[in-house]
Amino acid sequence: MNWFSNILQDLRGLFSAKPPLKTFLVSELPDILEPNTVYVIGEEGYKWCAALLCPCGCNKMLQMNLLTGHPRWHLTEHWNGTVTLHPSVWRKKECCSHFYLRRGRIIWVNYS
């Protein structure tokens, strides 16, 4: 039944007004990050970090560790080139953004 849920999520994303974030697999983090882009850093099948600019617009670089350790995120790559990171990403200072990255889309955590 999980495959059916994945297909529904993919179809829902096709009709979203905002396109998913672009994903690039790179061996080194670029000096300048592009907005609306997730960089997965690694080589030879090993991935050790994911990075993106904070989606709130503050332009701070966020880096999520994919290696064993703490804190650690898990990366799922999807057939359509998008990625999912879990758990959520939460900046605990400055802009305090808290969001999920699911299939290349930012899902904000709402505290209302």
N, C-alpha and C. Protein backbone atom coordinates (compact mmCIF):
# COMPACT_ATOMS: atom_id res chain seq x y z
N MET A 1 0.82 -1.20 0.00
CA MET A 1 0.00 0.00 0.00
C MET A 1 0.86 1.26 0.00
N ASN A 2 2.13 1.16 0.48
CA ASN A 2 3.03 2.31 0.50
C ASN A 2 3.30 2.82 -0.92
N TRP A 3 3.41 1.94 -1.89
CA TRP A 3 3.67 2.35 -3.27
C TRP A 3 2.52 3.20 -3.80
N PHE A 4 1.30 2.87 -3.41
CA PHE A 4 0.13 3.63 -3.84
C PHE A 4 0.18 5.05 -3.27
N SER A 5 0.55 5.15 -2.00
CA SER A 5 0.69 6.46 -1.36
C SER A 5 1.75 7.30 -2.06
N ASN A 6 2.87 6.66 -2.44
CA ASN A 6 3.94 7.37 -3.15
C ASN A 6 3.46 7.89 -4.50
N ILE A 7 2.69 7.10 -5.22
CA ILE A 7 2.16 7.52 -6.51
C ILE A 7 1.23 8.72 -6.34
N LEU A 8 0.37 8.66 -5.33
CA LEU A 8 -0.54 9.78 -5.07
C LEU A 8 0.24 11.07 -4.76
N GLN A 9 1.30 10.96 -3.97
CA GLN A 9 2.12 12.13 -3.65
C GLN A 9 2.78 12.69 -4.91
N ASP A 10 3.26 11.81 -5.78
CA ASP A 10 3.88 12.25 -7.03
C ASP A 10 2.86 12.98 -7.90
N LEU A 11 1.66 12.44 -8.01
CA LEU A 11 0.62 13.06 -8.83
C LEU A 11 0.20 14.41 -8.25
N ARG A 12 0.09 14.49 -6.94
CA ARG A 12 -0.26 15.75 -6.28
C ARG A 12 0.78 16.81 -6.59
N GLY A 13 2.04 16.41 -6.61
CA GLY A 13 3.13 17.35 -6.90
C GLY A 13 3.10 17.87 -8.32
N LEU A 14 2.59 17.08 -9.27
CA LEU A 14 2.50 17.51 -10.66
C LEU A 14 1.57 18.71 -10.82
N PHE A 15 0.58 18.82 -9.95
CA PHE A 15 -0.43 19.88 -10.07
C PHE A 15 -0.18 21.03 -9.10
N SER A 16 0.92 21.01 -8.40
CA SER A 16 1.27 22.08 -7.47
C SER A 16 1.68 23.31 -8.26
N ALA A 17 1.35 24.48 -7.74
CA ALA A 17 1.68 25.73 -8.42
C ALA A 17 3.19 25.99 -8.42
N LYS A 18 3.88 25.54 -7.40
CA LYS A 18 5.30 25.80 -7.27
C LYS A 18 6.09 24.54 -7.64
N PRO A 19 7.09 24.66 -8.53
CA PRO A 19 7.86 23.47 -8.90
C PRO A 19 8.72 22.99 -7.73
N PRO A 20 9.05 21.70 -7.72
CA PRO A 20 9.92 21.19 -6.64
C PRO A 20 11.32 21.76 -6.75
N LEU A 21 12.04 21.73 -5.65
CA LEU A 21 13.43 22.17 -5.66
C LEU A 21 14.24 21.27 -6.59
N LYS A 22 15.19 21.87 -7.30
CA LYS A 22 16.10 21.09 -8.15
C LYS A 22 17.07 20.36 -7.24
N THR A 23 17.51 19.19 -7.66
CA THR A 23 18.48 18.41 -6.89
C THR A 23 19.71 18.15 -7.75
N PHE A 24 20.89 18.44 -7.18
CA PHE A 24 22.14 18.17 -7.87
C PHE A 24 23.04 17.33 -6.98
N LEU A 25 23.61 16.28 -7.53
CA LEU A 25 24.61 15.46 -6.85
C LEU A 25 25.96 16.03 -7.24
N VAL A 26 26.73 16.48 -6.23
CA VAL A 26 28.03 17.11 -6.48
C VAL A 26 29.07 16.47 -5.57
N SER A 27 30.33 16.55 -5.98
CA SER A 27 31.40 15.99 -5.15
C SER A 27 31.90 17.00 -4.12
N GLU A 28 31.67 18.29 -4.37
CA GLU A 28 32.04 19.35 -3.42
C GLU A 28 30.93 20.38 -3.40
N LEU A 29 30.76 20.99 -2.25
CA LEU A 29 29.76 22.04 -2.11
C LEU A 29 30.21 23.26 -2.91
N PRO A 30 29.34 23.80 -3.78
CA PRO A 30 29.72 25.00 -4.54
C PRO A 30 29.95 26.19 -3.62
N ASP A 31 30.76 27.14 -4.08
CA ASP A 31 31.02 28.36 -3.30
C ASP A 31 29.75 29.19 -3.15
N ILE A 32 28.93 29.21 -4.19
CA ILE A 32 27.68 29.97 -4.17
C ILE A 32 26.53 29.00 -4.44
N LEU A 33 25.58 28.97 -3.51
CA LEU A 33 24.41 28.09 -3.66
C LEU A 33 23.30 28.82 -4.39
N GLU A 34 22.63 28.11 -5.26
CA GLU A 34 21.48 28.67 -5.97
C GLU A 34 20.23 28.49 -5.12
N PRO A 35 19.31 29.44 -5.14
CA PRO A 35 18.05 29.25 -4.42
C PRO A 35 17.23 28.13 -5.06
N ASN A 36 16.33 27.56 -4.30
CA ASN A 36 15.44 26.49 -4.77
C ASN A 36 16.20 25.28 -5.29
N THR A 37 17.34 25.00 -4.67
CA THR A 37 18.19 23.90 -5.10
C THR A 37 18.70 23.14 -3.88
N VAL A 38 18.66 21.82 -3.96
CA VAL A 38 19.24 20.96 -2.93
C VAL A 38 20.50 20.35 -3.52
N TYR A 39 21.60 20.49 -2.81
CA TYR A 39 22.86 19.89 -3.22
C TYR A 39 23.12 18.67 -2.34
N VAL A 40 23.32 17.53 -2.98
CA VAL A 40 23.67 16.31 -2.26
C VAL A 40 25.14 16.08 -2.53
N ILE A 41 25.94 16.14 -1.47
CA ILE A 41 27.39 16.07 -1.62
C ILE A 41 27.86 14.65 -1.34
N GLY A 42 28.62 14.11 -2.28
CA GLY A 42 29.14 12.76 -2.14
C GLY A 42 29.82 12.33 -3.43
N GLU A 43 30.28 11.10 -3.42
CA GLU A 43 30.88 10.52 -4.64
C GLU A 43 30.98 9.01 -4.47
N GLU A 44 31.05 8.33 -5.61
CA GLU A 44 31.18 6.87 -5.66
C GLU A 44 30.11 6.16 -4.84
N GLY A 45 28.88 6.67 -4.92
CA GLY A 45 27.77 6.03 -4.23
C GLY A 45 27.61 6.41 -2.77
N TYR A 46 28.54 7.15 -2.21
CA TYR A 46 28.46 7.59 -0.82
C TYR A 46 28.00 9.05 -0.77
N LYS A 47 27.05 9.31 0.09
CA LYS A 47 26.55 10.68 0.25
C LYS A 47 26.75 11.07 1.70
N TRP A 48 27.37 12.22 1.94
CA TRP A 48 27.66 12.59 3.32
C TRP A 48 26.98 13.87 3.78
N CYS A 49 26.41 14.65 2.87
CA CYS A 49 25.82 15.90 3.30
C CYS A 49 24.78 16.36 2.28
N ALA A 50 23.76 17.05 2.76
CA ALA A 50 22.80 17.74 1.89
C ALA A 50 22.83 19.21 2.30
N ALA A 51 22.75 20.10 1.32
CA ALA A 51 22.81 21.53 1.62
C ALA A 51 21.82 22.29 0.75
N LEU A 52 21.31 23.38 1.30
CA LEU A 52 20.42 24.27 0.57
C LEU A 52 20.38 25.61 1.29
N LEU A 53 19.92 26.63 0.56
CA LEU A 53 19.70 27.91 1.20
C LEU A 53 18.39 27.83 1.96
N CYS A 54 18.33 28.48 3.11
CA CYS A 54 17.12 28.45 3.92
C CYS A 54 15.94 28.94 3.07
N PRO A 55 14.87 28.19 3.02
CA PRO A 55 13.74 28.57 2.17
C PRO A 55 12.94 29.77 2.67
N CYS A 56 13.24 30.28 3.87
CA CYS A 56 12.52 31.45 4.38
C CYS A 56 12.93 32.73 3.66
N GLY A 57 14.08 32.67 2.98
CA GLY A 57 14.57 33.86 2.28
C GLY A 57 15.71 34.57 2.98
N CYS A 58 16.14 34.08 4.16
CA CYS A 58 17.24 34.72 4.88
C CYS A 58 18.59 34.44 4.22
N ASN A 59 18.61 33.48 3.28
CA ASN A 59 19.81 33.12 2.51
C ASN A 59 20.93 32.51 3.33
N LYS A 60 20.63 31.97 4.50
CA LYS A 60 21.63 31.23 5.27
C LYS A 60 21.75 29.82 4.68
N MET A 61 22.97 29.32 4.63
CA MET A 61 23.19 27.97 4.13
C MET A 61 22.86 26.97 5.23
N LEU A 62 22.08 25.96 4.88
CA LEU A 62 21.76 24.87 5.80
C LEU A 62 22.47 23.62 5.30
N GLN A 63 23.15 22.91 6.21
CA GLN A 63 23.82 21.66 5.86
C GLN A 63 23.31 20.57 6.79
N MET A 64 22.89 19.46 6.21
CA MET A 64 22.38 18.34 6.97
C MET A 64 23.31 17.15 6.78
N ASN A 65 23.80 16.63 7.89
CA ASN A 65 24.71 15.49 7.91
C ASN A 65 23.97 14.21 7.51
N LEU A 66 24.51 13.47 6.55
CA LEU A 66 23.93 12.20 6.13
C LEU A 66 24.74 11.01 6.63
N LEU A 67 25.86 11.28 7.31
CA LEU A 67 26.72 10.22 7.84
C LEU A 67 26.25 9.79 9.22
N THR A 68 26.75 8.64 9.66
CA THR A 68 26.44 8.20 11.01
C THR A 68 26.94 9.22 12.01
N GLY A 69 26.12 9.58 12.93
CA GLY A 69 26.48 10.57 13.93
C GLY A 69 25.23 11.28 14.40
N HIS A 70 25.43 12.37 15.12
CA HIS A 70 24.29 13.10 15.62
C HIS A 70 24.55 14.58 15.48
N PRO A 71 23.68 15.38 14.97
CA PRO A 71 22.42 14.96 14.38
C PRO A 71 22.64 14.35 13.00
N ARG A 72 21.69 13.59 12.54
CA ARG A 72 21.78 12.90 11.26
C ARG A 72 20.44 12.91 10.57
N TRP A 73 20.48 13.14 9.26
CA TRP A 73 19.28 13.08 8.44
C TRP A 73 19.39 11.89 7.50
N HIS A 74 18.25 11.43 7.03
CA HIS A 74 18.19 10.35 6.05
C HIS A 74 17.69 10.95 4.74
N LEU A 75 18.31 10.56 3.67
CA LEU A 75 17.97 11.07 2.34
C LEU A 75 17.32 9.96 1.54
N THR A 76 16.18 10.27 0.95
CA THR A 76 15.51 9.35 0.04
C THR A 76 15.46 10.01 -1.33
N GLU A 77 15.96 9.30 -2.34
CA GLU A 77 15.92 9.81 -3.71
C GLU A 77 14.75 9.16 -4.42
N HIS A 78 13.98 9.96 -5.15
CA HIS A 78 12.78 9.48 -5.83
C HIS A 78 13.01 9.39 -7.33
N TRP A 79 12.18 8.61 -7.98
CA TRP A 79 12.32 8.32 -9.41
C TRP A 79 12.28 9.59 -10.26
N ASN A 80 11.62 10.65 -9.78
CA ASN A 80 11.48 11.87 -10.58
C ASN A 80 12.59 12.89 -10.32
N GLY A 81 13.65 12.48 -9.60
CA GLY A 81 14.79 13.35 -9.35
C GLY A 81 14.67 14.21 -8.11
N THR A 82 13.56 14.10 -7.39
CA THR A 82 13.40 14.87 -6.15
C THR A 82 13.95 14.07 -4.98
N VAL A 83 14.11 14.75 -3.84
CA VAL A 83 14.60 14.08 -2.64
C VAL A 83 13.71 14.41 -1.45
N THR A 84 13.76 13.53 -0.46
CA THR A 84 13.11 13.72 0.82
C THR A 84 14.17 13.62 1.89
N LEU A 85 14.11 14.53 2.86
CA LEU A 85 14.98 14.48 4.03
C LEU A 85 14.13 14.26 5.26
N HIS A 86 14.58 13.40 6.12
CA HIS A 86 13.88 13.28 7.40
C HIS A 86 14.92 13.00 8.48
N PRO A 87 14.72 13.54 9.67
CA PRO A 87 13.54 14.27 10.14
C PRO A 87 13.48 15.68 9.56
N SER A 88 12.66 16.53 10.16
CA SER A 88 12.50 17.91 9.70
C SER A 88 13.80 18.70 9.91
N VAL A 89 13.86 19.85 9.28
CA VAL A 89 14.98 20.78 9.44
C VAL A 89 14.46 21.93 10.28
N TRP A 90 15.18 22.23 11.36
CA TRP A 90 14.73 23.28 12.28
C TRP A 90 15.92 24.13 12.69
N ARG A 91 15.91 25.39 12.26
CA ARG A 91 16.93 26.35 12.69
C ARG A 91 16.50 26.87 14.05
N LYS A 92 17.34 26.68 15.03
CA LYS A 92 16.97 27.06 16.39
C LYS A 92 17.41 28.48 16.75
N LYS A 93 18.00 29.20 15.80
CA LYS A 93 18.38 30.59 16.04
C LYS A 93 18.09 31.39 14.78
N GLU A 94 18.25 32.68 14.89
CA GLU A 94 17.99 33.63 13.80
C GLU A 94 16.58 33.47 13.26
N CYS A 95 16.38 32.97 12.04
CA CYS A 95 15.04 32.94 11.45
C CYS A 95 14.13 31.86 12.06
N CYS A 96 14.71 30.86 12.71
CA CYS A 96 13.95 29.77 13.37
C CYS A 96 13.04 29.00 12.42
N SER A 97 13.42 28.92 11.16
CA SER A 97 12.62 28.15 10.19
C SER A 97 12.51 26.69 10.62
N HIS A 98 11.35 26.12 10.41
CA HIS A 98 11.12 24.71 10.72
C HIS A 98 10.26 24.15 9.60
N PHE A 99 10.81 23.16 8.89
CA PHE A 99 10.12 22.63 7.71
C PHE A 99 10.54 21.20 7.44
N TYR A 100 9.74 20.55 6.62
CA TYR A 100 10.06 19.24 6.08
C TYR A 100 10.41 19.43 4.61
N LEU A 101 11.32 18.62 4.11
CA LEU A 101 11.60 18.57 2.68
C LEU A 101 11.08 17.23 2.20
N ARG A 102 9.97 17.25 1.48
CA ARG A 102 9.33 16.03 1.01
C ARG A 102 9.18 16.10 -0.50
N ARG A 103 9.82 15.16 -1.17
CA ARG A 103 9.75 15.07 -2.63
C ARG A 103 10.04 16.42 -3.29
N GLY A 104 11.07 17.09 -2.76
CA GLY A 104 11.52 18.34 -3.34
C GLY A 104 10.69 19.56 -2.98
N ARG A 105 9.73 19.41 -2.09
CA ARG A 105 8.85 20.52 -1.72
C ARG A 105 9.02 20.85 -0.23
N ILE A 106 8.99 22.12 0.06
CA ILE A 106 9.08 22.59 1.43
C ILE A 106 7.69 22.54 2.05
N ILE A 107 7.58 21.89 3.18
CA ILE A 107 6.34 21.83 3.94
C ILE A 107 6.63 22.47 5.30
N TRP A 108 6.08 23.66 5.49
CA TRP A 108 6.35 24.42 6.71
C TRP A 108 5.63 23.80 7.89
N VAL A 109 6.28 23.81 9.04
CA VAL A 109 5.64 23.37 10.28
C VAL A 109 4.90 24.58 10.82
N ASN A 110 3.61 24.40 11.06
CA ASN A 110 2.76 25.48 11.54
C ASN A 110 2.51 25.29 13.03
N TYR A 111 2.76 26.32 13.80
CA TYR A 111 2.61 26.22 15.26
C TYR A 111 1.30 26.83 15.76
N SER A 112 0.34 27.04 14.90
CA SER A 112 -0.91 27.68 15.36
C SER A 112 -1.79 26.74 16.13
